[in-house]
C-alpha cells in the first residue's frame, strides 16, 4: 500500500468522504440494518402490550402511582430477560461498530470494504476496542464536566483511539492514547473544523425525514477514517503491517521506487490490493 503525507484539508476530506460514501453505500446499509435489528432484541422481550393495558386500565390515577406500577411490573416480570438481552444487544452493537471501522479503513486503503472479511476478523480487536472506546468516552465525559472546553480538547486529541484499536490491535492499551495524542499534535483546529463539518452534515441528514442520517453518518465515518490515514505516519503503518503478516521471506532486490510528493490540497492516494 502506498500512502503520501498530505495536508489535512477539511474540504478535500469531505469531498473524498462523499465520493466513498456514494460508492460503498450498499454495504454500509447492510451493517446499519444489522445494527437496527440488534437494537430491537432487548425491546422484543418487553411486553409493551401489558404495559399499555396497565396505562389504559388506570386512566385518571396519579402519574406517580402509575410510574410505580409500571416500574414494579418491569422489575418483577421483565427485568431478567430484558437485562440479559440488553447486554447481548450492546455487545453485538459494539461488534458491528468494529466491523464498520474495518470497512472504512479497507475502503480508504484499497477501495474494497468487504463485509465478509470484516465480520470474520472483527473479533480480534473487539476486546481492545471495547475497553479503549469505553475509556475514551469516560475521559471525554469527565472533561465535559470540567467547564466543557477540556472535554472538547480531549475529544479531539484522543479522537483516533477507537480507530487505532481496530487498525493496530497489537499496540498496548496506553499506546493507543499516546499514539492518538501524537498524531493529532498540531492539527487540533483542523480536526475541530472536521468535527464541526461532521455535525453539520449529520444535522442535514437528520432534517431530511431522519432517513438521510443513514447516509450522512457514513460520510462522517469516512471523514475521520481519511483524516486518520492522512496523519498516520507511513513508516509506522509499514511496521504494523509487517508484524501482522509474520516473518518476512527474503525476496530478490528490486529497484527503489521514489516516494510521491503530495501537493497542497491533493487528495489522499489509494491503491488497489
C-alpha atoms as a PDB file:
ATOM      1  CA  UNK A   1       0.000   0.000   0.000  1.00  0.00           C
ATOM      2  CA  UNK A   2       1.307   3.395  -0.941  1.00  0.00           C
ATOM      3  CA  UNK A   3       0.486   6.454   1.106  1.00  0.00           C
ATOM      4  CA  UNK A   4       1.544  10.057   0.953  1.00  0.00           C
ATOM      5  CA  UNK A   5       1.595  12.656   3.668  1.00  0.00           C
ATOM      6  CA  UNK A   6      -0.913  15.309   2.543  1.00  0.00           C
ATOM      7  CA  UNK A   7      -2.114  18.416   4.342  1.00  0.00           C
ATOM      8  CA  UNK A   8      -5.287  17.841   6.332  1.00  0.00           C
ATOM      9  CA  UNK A   9      -7.784  19.883   4.325  1.00  0.00           C
ATOM     10  CA  UNK A  10     -11.354  19.698   5.654  1.00  0.00           C
ATOM     11  CA  UNK A  11     -12.839  20.491   2.256  1.00  0.00           C
ATOM     12  CA  UNK A  12     -10.798  17.821   0.483  1.00  0.00           C
ATOM     13  CA  UNK A  13     -11.585  15.233   3.167  1.00  0.00           C
ATOM     14  CA  UNK A  14     -15.308  15.979   2.966  1.00  0.00           C
ATOM     15  CA  UNK A  15     -15.251  15.692  -0.819  1.00  0.00           C
ATOM     16  CA  UNK A  16     -13.485  12.315  -0.731  1.00  0.00           C
ATOM     17  CA  UNK A  17     -15.750  11.072   2.064  1.00  0.00           C
ATOM     18  CA  UNK A  18     -18.796  11.957  -0.041  1.00  0.00           C
ATOM     19  CA  UNK A  19     -17.420  10.007  -3.014  1.00  0.00           C
ATOM     20  CA  UNK A  20     -16.574   6.969  -0.891  1.00  0.00           C
ATOM     21  CA  UNK A  21     -19.989   7.019   0.807  1.00  0.00           C
ATOM     22  CA  UNK A  22     -21.762   7.158  -2.562  1.00  0.00           C
ATOM     23  CA  UNK A  23     -19.681   4.316  -3.955  1.00  0.00           C
ATOM     24  CA  UNK A  24     -19.952   1.995  -0.961  1.00  0.00           C
ATOM     25  CA  UNK A  25     -23.358   2.923   0.452  1.00  0.00           C
ATOM     26  CA  UNK A  26     -24.991  -0.515  -0.140  1.00  0.00           C
ATOM     27  CA  UNK A  27     -22.509  -2.472   2.005  1.00  0.00           C
ATOM     28  CA  UNK A  28     -22.739   0.020   4.867  1.00  0.00           C
ATOM     29  CA  UNK A  29     -26.521  -0.032   4.600  1.00  0.00           C
ATOM     30  CA  UNK A  30     -26.334  -3.748   5.386  1.00  0.00           C
ATOM     31  CA  UNK A  31     -24.441  -3.084   8.613  1.00  0.00           C
ATOM     32  CA  UNK A  32     -26.936  -0.348   9.515  1.00  0.00           C
ATOM     33  CA  UNK A  33     -29.794  -2.811   9.090  1.00  0.00           C
ATOM     34  CA  UNK A  34     -27.924  -5.376  11.198  1.00  0.00           C
ATOM     35  CA  UNK A  35     -27.382  -2.769  13.893  1.00  0.00           C
ATOM     36  CA  UNK A  36     -31.082  -1.860  13.851  1.00  0.00           C
ATOM     37  CA  UNK A  37     -32.124  -5.499  14.168  1.00  0.00           C
ATOM     38  CA  UNK A  38     -29.735  -5.975  17.082  1.00  0.00           C
ATOM     39  CA  UNK A  39     -31.103  -2.873  18.821  1.00  0.00           C
ATOM     40  CA  UNK A  40     -34.571  -4.399  18.748  1.00  0.00           C
ATOM     41  CA  UNK A  41     -33.511  -7.562  20.577  1.00  0.00           C
ATOM     42  CA  UNK A  42     -33.886  -6.139  24.061  1.00  0.00           C
ATOM     43  CA  UNK A  43     -37.156  -4.395  23.216  1.00  0.00           C
ATOM     44  CA  UNK A  44     -38.677  -7.626  21.951  1.00  0.00           C
ATOM     45  CA  UNK A  45     -38.556  -9.032  25.484  1.00  0.00           C
ATOM     46  CA  UNK A  46     -40.510  -6.135  26.982  1.00  0.00           C
ATOM     47  CA  UNK A  47     -44.246  -6.772  26.940  1.00  0.00           C
ATOM     48  CA  UNK A  48     -45.379  -3.376  25.684  1.00  0.00           C
ATOM     49  CA  UNK A  49     -48.973  -4.600  25.340  1.00  0.00           C
ATOM     50  CA  UNK A  50     -49.086  -5.432  29.048  1.00  0.00           C
ATOM     51  CA  UNK A  51     -47.718  -2.030  29.956  1.00  0.00           C
ATOM     52  CA  UNK A  52     -50.274  -0.335  27.708  1.00  0.00           C
ATOM     53  CA  UNK A  53     -53.061  -2.298  29.399  1.00  0.00           C
ATOM     54  CA  UNK A  54     -51.884  -1.012  32.770  1.00  0.00           C
ATOM     55  CA  UNK A  55     -51.965   2.561  31.482  1.00  0.00           C
ATOM     56  CA  UNK A  56     -55.455   2.225  29.983  1.00  0.00           C
ATOM     57  CA  UNK A  57     -56.991   0.415  32.970  1.00  0.00           C
ATOM     58  CA  UNK A  58     -55.676   3.046  35.388  1.00  0.00           C
ATOM     59  CA  UNK A  59     -56.646   6.172  33.488  1.00  0.00           C
ATOM     60  CA  UNK A  60     -57.065   9.091  35.846  1.00  0.00           C
ATOM     61  CA  UNK A  61     -54.764   7.878  38.598  1.00  0.00           C
ATOM     62  CA  UNK A  62     -51.790   9.939  39.718  1.00  0.00           C
ATOM     63  CA  UNK A  63     -48.734   9.825  37.461  1.00  0.00           C
ATOM     64  CA  UNK A  64     -46.578   8.846  40.447  1.00  0.00           C
ATOM     65  CA  UNK A  65     -48.677   5.745  41.201  1.00  0.00           C
ATOM     66  CA  UNK A  66     -48.759   4.777  37.533  1.00  0.00           C
ATOM     67  CA  UNK A  67     -44.988   5.136  37.231  1.00  0.00           C
ATOM     68  CA  UNK A  68     -44.501   2.990  40.330  1.00  0.00           C
ATOM     69  CA  UNK A  69     -46.841   0.317  38.960  1.00  0.00           C
ATOM     70  CA  UNK A  70     -45.084   0.205  35.592  1.00  0.00           C
ATOM     71  CA  UNK A  71     -41.705   0.032  37.308  1.00  0.00           C
ATOM     72  CA  UNK A  72     -42.945  -2.795  39.533  1.00  0.00           C
ATOM     73  CA  UNK A  73     -44.199  -4.738  36.509  1.00  0.00           C
ATOM     74  CA  UNK A  74     -40.916  -4.181  34.750  1.00  0.00           C
ATOM     75  CA  UNK A  75     -38.704  -5.154  37.662  1.00  0.00           C
ATOM     76  CA  UNK A  76     -40.548  -8.299  38.679  1.00  0.00           C
ATOM     77  CA  UNK A  77     -41.908  -9.517  35.354  1.00  0.00           C
ATOM     78  CA  UNK A  78     -39.483  -8.432  32.690  1.00  0.00           C
ATOM     79  CA  UNK A  79     -36.168  -7.443  34.222  1.00  0.00           C
ATOM     80  CA  UNK A  80     -34.376 -10.787  33.943  1.00  0.00           C
ATOM     81  CA  UNK A  81     -34.745 -11.390  30.212  1.00  0.00           C
ATOM     82  CA  UNK A  82     -34.611  -7.693  29.314  1.00  0.00           C
ATOM     83  CA  UNK A  83     -31.317  -7.053  31.110  1.00  0.00           C
ATOM     84  CA  UNK A  84     -29.676 -10.105  29.546  1.00  0.00           C
ATOM     85  CA  UNK A  85     -30.842  -9.173  26.063  1.00  0.00           C
ATOM     86  CA  UNK A  86     -29.842  -5.542  26.536  1.00  0.00           C
ATOM     87  CA  UNK A  87     -26.327  -6.678  27.443  1.00  0.00           C
ATOM     88  CA  UNK A  88     -26.137  -9.042  24.451  1.00  0.00           C
ATOM     89  CA  UNK A  89     -27.549  -6.331  22.184  1.00  0.00           C
ATOM     90  CA  UNK A  90     -24.922  -3.876  23.417  1.00  0.00           C
ATOM     91  CA  UNK A  91     -22.068  -6.305  22.749  1.00  0.00           C
ATOM     92  CA  UNK A  92     -23.361  -7.042  19.246  1.00  0.00           C
ATOM     93  CA  UNK A  93     -23.742  -3.321  18.545  1.00  0.00           C
ATOM     94  CA  UNK A  94     -20.108  -2.742  19.546  1.00  0.00           C
ATOM     95  CA  UNK A  95     -19.065  -5.664  17.324  1.00  0.00           C
ATOM     96  CA  UNK A  96     -20.861  -4.130  14.338  1.00  0.00           C
ATOM     97  CA  UNK A  97     -19.129  -0.833  15.107  1.00  0.00           C
ATOM     98  CA  UNK A  98     -15.766  -2.603  14.875  1.00  0.00           C
ATOM     99  CA  UNK A  99     -16.894  -4.122  11.557  1.00  0.00           C
ATOM    100  CA  UNK A 100     -17.733  -0.637  10.280  1.00  0.00           C
ATOM    101  CA  UNK A 101     -14.318   0.711  11.266  1.00  0.00           C
ATOM    102  CA  UNK A 102     -12.593  -2.147   9.451  1.00  0.00           C
ATOM    103  CA  UNK A 103     -14.645  -1.484   6.314  1.00  0.00           C
ATOM    104  CA  UNK A 104     -13.942   2.257   6.485  1.00  0.00           C
ATOM    105  CA  UNK A 105     -10.214   1.537   6.539  1.00  0.00           C
ATOM    106  CA  UNK A 106     -10.471  -1.065   3.780  1.00  0.00           C
ATOM    107  CA  UNK A 107     -12.386   1.388   1.592  1.00  0.00           C
ATOM    108  CA  UNK A 108      -9.854   4.178   2.218  1.00  0.00           C
ATOM    109  CA  UNK A 109      -6.823   1.927   1.694  1.00  0.00           C
ATOM    110  CA  UNK A 110      -7.950  -0.407  -1.086  1.00  0.00           C
ATOM    111  CA  UNK A 111     -11.408   0.809  -2.153  1.00  0.00           C
ATOM    112  CA  UNK A 112     -12.707  -2.669  -1.195  1.00  0.00           C
ATOM    113  CA  UNK A 113     -14.798  -2.714   2.014  1.00  0.00           C
ATOM    114  CA  UNK A 114     -15.632  -6.430   2.077  1.00  0.00           C
ATOM    115  CA  UNK A 115     -18.303  -7.202   4.665  1.00  0.00           C
ATOM    116  CA  UNK A 116     -17.443 -10.893   4.920  1.00  0.00           C
ATOM    117  CA  UNK A 117     -13.790 -10.286   5.755  1.00  0.00           C
ATOM    118  CA  UNK A 118     -14.698  -7.573   8.248  1.00  0.00           C
ATOM    119  CA  UNK A 119     -17.169  -9.857  10.045  1.00  0.00           C
ATOM    120  CA  UNK A 120     -14.616 -12.678  10.222  1.00  0.00           C
ATOM    121  CA  UNK A 121     -11.742 -10.551  11.525  1.00  0.00           C
ATOM    122  CA  UNK A 122     -13.565  -8.073  13.778  1.00  0.00           C
ATOM    123  CA  UNK A 123     -13.310 -10.443  16.759  1.00  0.00           C
ATOM    124  CA  UNK A 124      -9.546  -9.871  17.005  1.00  0.00           C
ATOM    125  CA  UNK A 125      -9.622  -6.185  18.040  1.00  0.00           C
ATOM    126  CA  UNK A 126     -13.071  -6.433  19.684  1.00  0.00           C
ATOM    127  CA  UNK A 127     -11.952  -6.538  23.320  1.00  0.00           C
ATOM    128  CA  UNK A 128      -9.340  -3.821  22.815  1.00  0.00           C
ATOM    129  CA  UNK A 129     -11.878  -1.626  21.041  1.00  0.00           C
ATOM    130  CA  UNK A 130     -14.445  -2.234  23.775  1.00  0.00           C
ATOM    131  CA  UNK A 131     -12.042  -1.129  26.517  1.00  0.00           C
ATOM    132  CA  UNK A 132     -10.478   1.726  24.547  1.00  0.00           C
ATOM    133  CA  UNK A 133     -13.764   3.266  23.391  1.00  0.00           C
ATOM    134  CA  UNK A 134     -15.163   2.977  26.920  1.00  0.00           C
ATOM    135  CA  UNK A 135     -12.116   4.699  28.402  1.00  0.00           C
ATOM    136  CA  UNK A 136     -12.235   7.368  25.695  1.00  0.00           C
ATOM    137  CA  UNK A 137     -15.914   8.105  26.416  1.00  0.00           C
ATOM    138  CA  UNK A 138     -15.221   8.290  30.144  1.00  0.00           C
ATOM    139  CA  UNK A 139     -12.287  10.689  29.713  1.00  0.00           C
ATOM    140  CA  UNK A 140     -14.289  12.957  27.412  1.00  0.00           C
ATOM    141  CA  UNK A 141     -17.279  12.900  29.789  1.00  0.00           C
ATOM    142  CA  UNK A 142     -15.074  13.926  32.711  1.00  0.00           C
ATOM    143  CA  UNK A 143     -13.577  16.695  30.595  1.00  0.00           C
ATOM    144  CA  UNK A 144     -17.016  17.963  29.603  1.00  0.00           C
ATOM    145  CA  UNK A 145     -17.936  18.194  33.275  1.00  0.00           C
ATOM    146  CA  UNK A 146     -14.928  20.486  33.745  1.00  0.00           C
ATOM    147  CA  UNK A 147     -16.295  23.595  32.028  1.00  0.00           C
ATOM    148  CA  UNK A 148     -16.870  21.778  28.680  1.00  0.00           C
ATOM    149  CA  UNK A 149     -13.721  23.079  26.954  1.00  0.00           C
ATOM    150  CA  UNK A 150     -11.380  20.427  28.422  1.00  0.00           C
ATOM    151  CA  UNK A 151     -13.792  17.771  27.165  1.00  0.00           C
ATOM    152  CA  UNK A 152     -13.732  19.185  23.642  1.00  0.00           C
ATOM    153  CA  UNK A 153      -9.931  19.373  23.701  1.00  0.00           C
ATOM    154  CA  UNK A 154      -9.573  15.783  24.938  1.00  0.00           C
ATOM    155  CA  UNK A 155     -12.185  14.542  22.465  1.00  0.00           C
ATOM    156  CA  UNK A 156     -10.149  15.964  19.578  1.00  0.00           C
ATOM    157  CA  UNK A 157      -6.702  14.918  20.818  1.00  0.00           C
ATOM    158  CA  UNK A 158      -7.855  11.350  21.536  1.00  0.00           C
ATOM    159  CA  UNK A 159     -10.264  11.034  18.604  1.00  0.00           C
ATOM    160  CA  UNK A 160      -8.204   8.291  16.942  1.00  0.00           C
ATOM    161  CA  UNK A 161      -8.152   5.959  19.972  1.00  0.00           C
ATOM    162  CA  UNK A 162     -11.089   3.764  18.791  1.00  0.00           C
ATOM    163  CA  UNK A 163      -9.839   3.503  15.215  1.00  0.00           C
ATOM    164  CA  UNK A 164      -6.306   2.739  16.425  1.00  0.00           C
ATOM    165  CA  UNK A 165      -7.711  -0.125  18.496  1.00  0.00           C
ATOM    166  CA  UNK A 166      -9.120  -1.604  15.273  1.00  0.00           C
ATOM    167  CA  UNK A 167      -6.215  -0.796  12.961  1.00  0.00           C
ATOM    168  CA  UNK A 168      -3.357  -1.534  15.396  1.00  0.00           C
ATOM    169  CA  UNK A 169      -4.669  -4.211  17.800  1.00  0.00           C
ATOM    170  CA  UNK A 170      -1.092  -5.182  18.691  1.00  0.00           C
ATOM    171  CA  UNK A 171      -0.495  -1.861  20.460  1.00  0.00           C
ATOM    172  CA  UNK A 172      -0.610  -1.770  24.240  1.00  0.00           C
ATOM    173  CA  UNK A 173      -3.657  -0.116  25.793  1.00  0.00           C
ATOM    174  CA  UNK A 174      -1.783   3.010  26.873  1.00  0.00           C
ATOM    175  CA  UNK A 175      -0.082   3.305  23.481  1.00  0.00           C
ATOM    176  CA  UNK A 176      -3.462   3.841  21.820  1.00  0.00           C
ATOM    177  CA  UNK A 177      -3.867   7.099  23.738  1.00  0.00           C
ATOM    178  CA  UNK A 178      -0.267   8.250  23.370  1.00  0.00           C
ATOM    179  CA  UNK A 179      -0.323   7.467  19.633  1.00  0.00           C
ATOM    180  CA  UNK A 180      -3.552   9.414  19.104  1.00  0.00           C
ATOM    181  CA  UNK A 181      -2.111  12.314  21.110  1.00  0.00           C
ATOM    182  CA  UNK A 182       0.961  12.288  18.887  1.00  0.00           C
ATOM    183  CA  UNK A 183      -0.998  12.042  15.621  1.00  0.00           C
ATOM    184  CA  UNK A 184      -3.252  14.984  16.482  1.00  0.00           C
ATOM    185  CA  UNK A 185      -0.436  17.241  17.681  1.00  0.00           C
ATOM    186  CA  UNK A 186      -0.519  20.453  15.673  1.00  0.00           C
ATOM    187  CA  UNK A 187      -3.820  19.529  14.000  1.00  0.00           C
ATOM    188  CA  UNK A 188      -6.297  20.444  16.751  1.00  0.00           C
ATOM    189  CA  UNK A 189      -8.098  23.195  14.825  1.00  0.00           C
ATOM    190  CA  UNK A 190      -8.108  21.180  11.585  1.00  0.00           C
ATOM    191  CA  UNK A 191      -9.758  18.258  13.354  1.00  0.00           C
ATOM    192  CA  UNK A 192     -12.107  20.579  15.234  1.00  0.00           C
ATOM    193  CA  UNK A 193     -13.264  22.020  11.908  1.00  0.00           C
ATOM    194  CA  UNK A 194     -13.667  18.489  10.588  1.00  0.00           C
ATOM    195  CA  UNK A 195     -15.784  17.606  13.615  1.00  0.00           C
ATOM    196  CA  UNK A 196     -17.976  20.685  13.134  1.00  0.00           C
ATOM    197  CA  UNK A 197     -18.458  19.747   9.477  1.00  0.00           C
ATOM    198  CA  UNK A 198     -19.413  16.206  10.501  1.00  0.00           C
ATOM    199  CA  UNK A 199     -22.021  17.560  12.940  1.00  0.00           C
ATOM    200  CA  UNK A 200     -23.469  19.857  10.266  1.00  0.00           C
ATOM    201  CA  UNK A 201     -23.567  17.056   7.708  1.00  0.00           C
ATOM    202  CA  UNK A 202     -25.401  14.778  10.150  1.00  0.00           C
ATOM    203  CA  UNK A 203     -27.798  17.600  11.058  1.00  0.00           C
ATOM    204  CA  UNK A 204     -28.702  17.966   7.384  1.00  0.00           C
ATOM    205  CA  UNK A 205     -29.298  14.222   7.221  1.00  0.00           C
ATOM    206  CA  UNK A 206     -31.457  14.378  10.335  1.00  0.00           C
ATOM    207  CA  UNK A 207     -33.795  17.026   8.962  1.00  0.00           C
ATOM    208  CA  UNK A 208     -34.228  15.051   5.715  1.00  0.00           C
ATOM    209  CA  UNK A 209     -37.070  12.986   7.188  1.00  0.00           C
ATOM    210  CA  UNK A 210     -34.489  11.383   9.526  1.00  0.00           C
ATOM    211  CA  UNK A 211     -33.654   8.847   6.784  1.00  0.00           C
ATOM    212  CA  UNK A 212     -30.752  10.912   5.479  1.00  0.00           C
ATOM    213  CA  UNK A 213     -28.869  10.354   8.736  1.00  0.00           C
ATOM    214  CA  UNK A 214     -28.035   6.851   7.484  1.00  0.00           C
ATOM    215  CA  UNK A 215     -26.080   8.266   4.558  1.00  0.00           C
ATOM    216  CA  UNK A 216     -24.570  11.231   6.408  1.00  0.00           C
ATOM    217  CA  UNK A 217     -23.336   9.036   9.265  1.00  0.00           C
ATOM    218  CA  UNK A 218     -21.406   7.017   6.682  1.00  0.00           C
ATOM    219  CA  UNK A 219     -19.909  10.249   5.318  1.00  0.00           C
ATOM    220  CA  UNK A 220     -18.774  11.343   8.794  1.00  0.00           C
ATOM    221  CA  UNK A 221     -17.264   7.910   9.401  1.00  0.00           C
ATOM    222  CA  UNK A 222     -15.238   8.194   6.216  1.00  0.00           C
ATOM    223  CA  UNK A 223     -14.161  11.726   7.131  1.00  0.00           C
ATOM    224  CA  UNK A 224     -12.348  10.584  10.260  1.00  0.00           C
ATOM    225  CA  UNK A 225     -11.003   7.414   8.616  1.00  0.00           C
ATOM    226  CA  UNK A 226      -9.460   9.600   5.901  1.00  0.00           C
ATOM    227  CA  UNK A 227      -8.092  12.053   8.470  1.00  0.00           C
ATOM    228  CA  UNK A 228      -6.545   9.154  10.378  1.00  0.00           C
ATOM    229  CA  UNK A 229      -4.853   7.773   7.275  1.00  0.00           C
ATOM    230  CA  UNK A 230      -3.539  11.201   6.284  1.00  0.00           C
ATOM    231  CA  UNK A 231      -1.992  11.809   9.706  1.00  0.00           C
ATOM    232  CA  UNK A 232      -0.808   8.257  10.380  1.00  0.00           C
ATOM    233  CA  UNK A 233       2.956   8.058   9.710  1.00  0.00           C
ATOM    234  CA  UNK A 234       3.858   5.952   6.704  1.00  0.00           C
ATOM    235  CA  UNK A 235       6.748   4.173   8.425  1.00  0.00           C
ATOM    236  CA  UNK A 236       4.530   3.152  11.375  1.00  0.00           C
ATOM    237  CA  UNK A 237       1.968   1.681   9.017  1.00  0.00           C
ATOM    238  CA  UNK A 238       4.570  -0.428   7.243  1.00  0.00           C
ATOM    239  CA  UNK A 239       5.923  -1.740  10.554  1.00  0.00           C
ATOM    240  CA  UNK A 240       2.456  -2.686  11.805  1.00  0.00           C
ATOM    241  CA  UNK A 241       1.576  -4.458   8.558  1.00  0.00           C
ATOM    242  CA  UNK A 242       4.853  -6.416   8.754  1.00  0.00           C
ATOM    243  CA  UNK A 243       4.065  -7.546  12.306  1.00  0.00           C
ATOM    244  CA  UNK A 244       0.595  -8.702  11.273  1.00  0.00           C
ATOM    245  CA  UNK A 245       1.924 -10.552   8.217  1.00  0.00           C
ATOM    246  CA  UNK A 246       4.508 -12.553  10.214  1.00  0.00           C
ATOM    247  CA  UNK A 247       8.137 -13.342   9.285  1.00  0.00           C
ATOM    248  CA  UNK A 248       9.418 -11.687   6.155  1.00  0.00           C
ATOM    249  CA  UNK A 249      10.544 -14.019   3.353  1.00  0.00           C
ATOM    250  CA  UNK A 250      13.674 -12.768   1.560  1.00  0.00           C
ATOM    251  CA  UNK A 251      12.981 -11.636  -1.989  1.00  0.00           C
ATOM    252  CA  UNK A 252      15.245 -10.526  -4.829  1.00  0.00           C
ATOM    253  CA  UNK A 253      16.262  -6.913  -4.662  1.00  0.00           C
ATOM    254  CA  UNK A 254      14.100  -4.557  -6.645  1.00  0.00           C
ATOM    255  CA  UNK A 255      14.900  -1.026  -7.729  1.00  0.00           C
ATOM    256  CA  UNK A 256      13.768   1.532  -5.208  1.00  0.00           C
ATOM    257  CA  UNK A 257      10.705   3.493  -6.285  1.00  0.00           C
ATOM    258  CA  UNK A 258      10.827   7.145  -5.303  1.00  0.00           C
ATOM    259  CA  UNK A 259       8.074   8.303  -2.999  1.00  0.00           C
ATOM    260  CA  UNK A 260       5.383  10.507  -4.434  1.00  0.00           C
ATOM    261  CA  UNK A 261       5.092  14.026  -3.197  1.00  0.00           C
ATOM    262  CA  UNK A 262       1.752  15.476  -2.268  1.00  0.00           C
ATOM    263  CA  UNK A 263       0.976  18.996  -3.209  1.00  0.00           C
ATOM    264  CA  UNK A 264      -1.154  21.288  -1.108  1.00  0.00           C
ATOM    265  CA  UNK A 265      -4.785  20.161  -1.229  1.00  0.00           C
ATOM    266  CA  UNK A 266      -4.078  16.976  -3.259  1.00  0.00           C
ATOM    267  CA  UNK A 267      -6.293  14.004  -2.437  1.00  0.00           C
ATOM    268  CA  UNK A 268      -5.183  11.082  -0.357  1.00  0.00           C
ATOM    269  CA  UNK A 269      -3.853   8.323  -2.699  1.00  0.00           C
ATOM    270  CA  UNK A 270      -5.411   4.883  -2.586  1.00  0.00           C
ATOM    271  CA  UNK A 271      -4.052   1.876  -4.467  1.00  0.00           C
ATOM    272  CA  UNK A 272      -5.610  -1.466  -5.240  1.00  0.00           C
ATOM    273  CA  UNK A 273      -4.540  -4.590  -3.388  1.00  0.00           C
END
